[in-house]
Amino acid sequence: MDDLDVKAKEDALGQLVEHPRLRLEYQRAISNHLTFALPLILVLSIIKFLAFWILWTVLAMYFTGLFSGTVTRIHLIKNTSDIGEATTLAMLSFAF
């Protein structure tokens, strides 16, 4: 943007402020333009949030159920290794 563009925009804004009818028309055009867009953006935001929430809820439930068998097997392996370690320690006490 060069200085001439800035000056032209400042002059146009100055004319808007000086002429109240132009300012009112501008405000009416802006207010009518945004009235349909805001509810649309709100509805789209709510839909996006719900889709995001449902996706993560379903994934969390799926992965929780997916790994429950693995967790059970890991507990079994750990308990078995604890028994083996306890047996080894008990045998050491008999050996000495």
C-alpha atoms as a PDB file:
ATOM      1  CA  MET A   1       0.000   0.000   0.000  1.00  0.00           C
ATOM      2  CA  ASP A   2       1.413   3.345  -0.890  1.00  0.00           C
ATOM      3  CA  ASP A   3       0.760   6.756   0.620  1.00  0.00           C
ATOM      4  CA  LEU A   4      -1.717   7.752  -2.090  1.00  0.00           C
ATOM      5  CA  ASP A   5      -3.989   4.807  -1.238  1.00  0.00           C
ATOM      6  CA  VAL A   6      -3.856   5.677   2.444  1.00  0.00           C
ATOM      7  CA  LYS A   7      -4.665   9.323   1.707  1.00  0.00           C
ATOM      8  CA  ALA A   8      -7.576   8.332  -0.566  1.00  0.00           C
ATOM      9  CA  LYS A   9      -9.013   6.079   2.138  1.00  0.00           C
ATOM     10  CA  GLU A  10      -8.626   8.801   4.759  1.00  0.00           C
ATOM     11  CA  ASP A  11     -10.441  11.271   2.489  1.00  0.00           C
ATOM     12  CA  ALA A  12     -13.266   8.786   1.856  1.00  0.00           C
ATOM     13  CA  LEU A  13     -13.605   8.149   5.593  1.00  0.00           C
ATOM     14  CA  GLY A  14     -13.621  11.894   6.223  1.00  0.00           C
ATOM     15  CA  GLN A  15     -16.496  12.317   3.758  1.00  0.00           C
ATOM     16  CA  LEU A  16     -18.428   9.558   5.498  1.00  0.00           C
ATOM     17  CA  VAL A  17     -18.068  11.298   8.831  1.00  0.00           C
ATOM     18  CA  GLU A  18     -19.021  14.693   7.374  1.00  0.00           C
ATOM     19  CA  HIS A  19     -22.164  13.374   5.674  1.00  0.00           C
ATOM     20  CA  PRO A  20     -24.439  11.677   8.222  1.00  0.00           C
ATOM     21  CA  ARG A  21     -26.732  10.224   5.558  1.00  0.00           C
ATOM     22  CA  LEU A  22     -23.826   8.360   3.951  1.00  0.00           C
ATOM     23  CA  ARG A  23     -22.724   7.158   7.361  1.00  0.00           C
ATOM     24  CA  LEU A  24     -26.224   5.848   8.150  1.00  0.00           C
ATOM     25  CA  GLU A  25     -26.436   4.069   4.790  1.00  0.00           C
ATOM     26  CA  TYR A  26     -23.024   2.537   5.386  1.00  0.00           C
ATOM     27  CA  GLN A  27     -24.005   1.347   8.867  1.00  0.00           C
ATOM     28  CA  ARG A  28     -27.287  -0.082   7.564  1.00  0.00           C
ATOM     29  CA  ALA A  29     -25.472  -1.958   4.798  1.00  0.00           C
ATOM     30  CA  ILE A  30     -22.931  -3.352   7.252  1.00  0.00           C
ATOM     31  CA  SER A  31     -25.553  -4.359   9.838  1.00  0.00           C
ATOM     32  CA  ASN A  32     -27.742  -6.102   7.239  1.00  0.00           C
ATOM     33  CA  HIS A  33     -24.720  -7.836   5.793  1.00  0.00           C
ATOM     34  CA  LEU A  34     -23.665  -9.397   9.103  1.00  0.00           C
ATOM     35  CA  THR A  35     -27.091 -10.444  10.409  1.00  0.00           C
ATOM     36  CA  PHE A  36     -27.295 -13.650   8.379  1.00  0.00           C
ATOM     37  CA  ALA A  37     -23.605 -14.509   8.702  1.00  0.00           C
ATOM     38  CA  LEU A  38     -23.368 -14.577  12.497  1.00  0.00           C
ATOM     39  CA  PRO A  39     -26.035 -17.264  13.116  1.00  0.00           C
ATOM     40  CA  LEU A  40     -24.597 -19.286  10.249  1.00  0.00           C
ATOM     41  CA  ILE A  41     -21.127 -19.129  11.769  1.00  0.00           C
ATOM     42  CA  LEU A  42     -22.588 -20.045  15.175  1.00  0.00           C
ATOM     43  CA  VAL A  43     -24.409 -23.089  13.776  1.00  0.00           C
ATOM     44  CA  LEU A  44     -21.316 -24.248  11.884  1.00  0.00           C
ATOM     45  CA  SER A  45     -19.190 -23.819  15.004  1.00  0.00           C
ATOM     46  CA  ILE A  46     -21.618 -25.875  17.091  1.00  0.00           C
ATOM     47  CA  ILE A  47     -21.711 -28.632  14.455  1.00  0.00           C
ATOM     48  CA  LYS A  48     -17.915 -28.687  14.288  1.00  0.00           C
ATOM     49  CA  PHE A  49     -17.653 -28.852  18.088  1.00  0.00           C
ATOM     50  CA  LEU A  50     -20.176 -31.704  18.302  1.00  0.00           C
ATOM     51  CA  ALA A  51     -18.402 -33.677  15.578  1.00  0.00           C
ATOM     52  CA  PHE A  52     -15.053 -33.174  17.323  1.00  0.00           C
ATOM     53  CA  TRP A  53     -16.509 -34.212  20.707  1.00  0.00           C
ATOM     54  CA  ILE A  54     -18.261 -37.301  19.297  1.00  0.00           C
ATOM     55  CA  LEU A  55     -15.117 -38.383  17.434  1.00  0.00           C
ATOM     56  CA  TRP A  56     -12.906 -38.230  20.527  1.00  0.00           C
ATOM     57  CA  THR A  57     -15.554 -39.887  22.715  1.00  0.00           C
ATOM     58  CA  VAL A  58     -15.908 -42.794  20.286  1.00  0.00           C
ATOM     59  CA  LEU A  59     -12.132 -43.126  19.907  1.00  0.00           C
ATOM     60  CA  ALA A  60     -11.633 -43.090  23.686  1.00  0.00           C
ATOM     61  CA  MET A  61     -14.254 -45.815  24.157  1.00  0.00           C
ATOM     62  CA  TYR A  62     -12.803 -47.870  21.313  1.00  0.00           C
ATOM     63  CA  PHE A  63      -9.214 -47.672  22.518  1.00  0.00           C
ATOM     64  CA  THR A  64     -10.192 -48.335  26.146  1.00  0.00           C
ATOM     65  CA  GLY A  65     -11.896 -51.562  25.111  1.00  0.00           C
ATOM     66  CA  LEU A  66      -9.132 -52.441  22.673  1.00  0.00           C
ATOM     67  CA  PHE A  67      -6.357 -52.464  25.257  1.00  0.00           C
ATOM     68  CA  SER A  68      -8.217 -54.029  28.188  1.00  0.00           C
ATOM     69  CA  GLY A  69      -7.155 -57.557  27.169  1.00  0.00           C
ATOM     70  CA  THR A  70      -3.566 -56.435  26.769  1.00  0.00           C
ATOM     71  CA  VAL A  71      -3.579 -54.848  30.219  1.00  0.00           C
ATOM     72  CA  THR A  72      -4.909 -58.092  31.706  1.00  0.00           C
ATOM     73  CA  ARG A  73      -2.124 -60.082  30.022  1.00  0.00           C
ATOM     74  CA  ILE A  74       0.496 -57.610  31.233  1.00  0.00           C
ATOM     75  CA  HIS A  75      -0.793 -57.975  34.801  1.00  0.00           C
ATOM     76  CA  LEU A  76      -0.596 -61.770  34.434  1.00  0.00           C
ATOM     77  CA  ILE A  77       3.007 -61.562  33.188  1.00  0.00           C
ATOM     78  CA  LYS A  78       3.947 -59.196  36.019  1.00  0.00           C
ATOM     79  CA  ASN A  79       2.317 -61.382  38.659  1.00  0.00           C
ATOM     80  CA  THR A  80       4.049 -64.464  37.233  1.00  0.00           C
ATOM     81  CA  SER A  81       7.417 -62.714  37.307  1.00  0.00           C
ATOM     82  CA  ASP A  82       6.772 -61.617  40.906  1.00  0.00           C
ATOM     83  CA  ILE A  83       6.072 -65.240  41.869  1.00  0.00           C
ATOM     84  CA  GLY A  84       9.237 -66.356  40.074  1.00  0.00           C
ATOM     85  CA  GLU A  85      11.293 -63.711  41.848  1.00  0.00           C
ATOM     86  CA  ALA A  86       9.838 -64.630  45.234  1.00  0.00           C
ATOM     87  CA  THR A  87      10.545 -68.325  44.578  1.00  0.00           C
ATOM     88  CA  THR A  88      14.140 -67.542  43.619  1.00  0.00           C
ATOM     89  CA  LEU A  89      14.663 -65.502  46.766  1.00  0.00           C
ATOM     90  CA  ALA A  90      13.139 -68.275  48.881  1.00  0.00           C
ATOM     91  CA  MET A  91      15.441 -70.856  47.276  1.00  0.00           C
ATOM     92  CA  LEU A  92      18.465 -68.652  48.010  1.00  0.00           C
ATOM     93  CA  SER A  93      17.586 -68.628  51.691  1.00  0.00           C
ATOM     94  CA  PHE A  94      17.405 -72.458  51.683  1.00  0.00           C
ATOM     95  CA  ALA A  95      20.747 -72.717  49.894  1.00  0.00           C
ATOM     96  CA  PHE A  96      22.660 -70.760  52.509  1.00  0.00           C
END
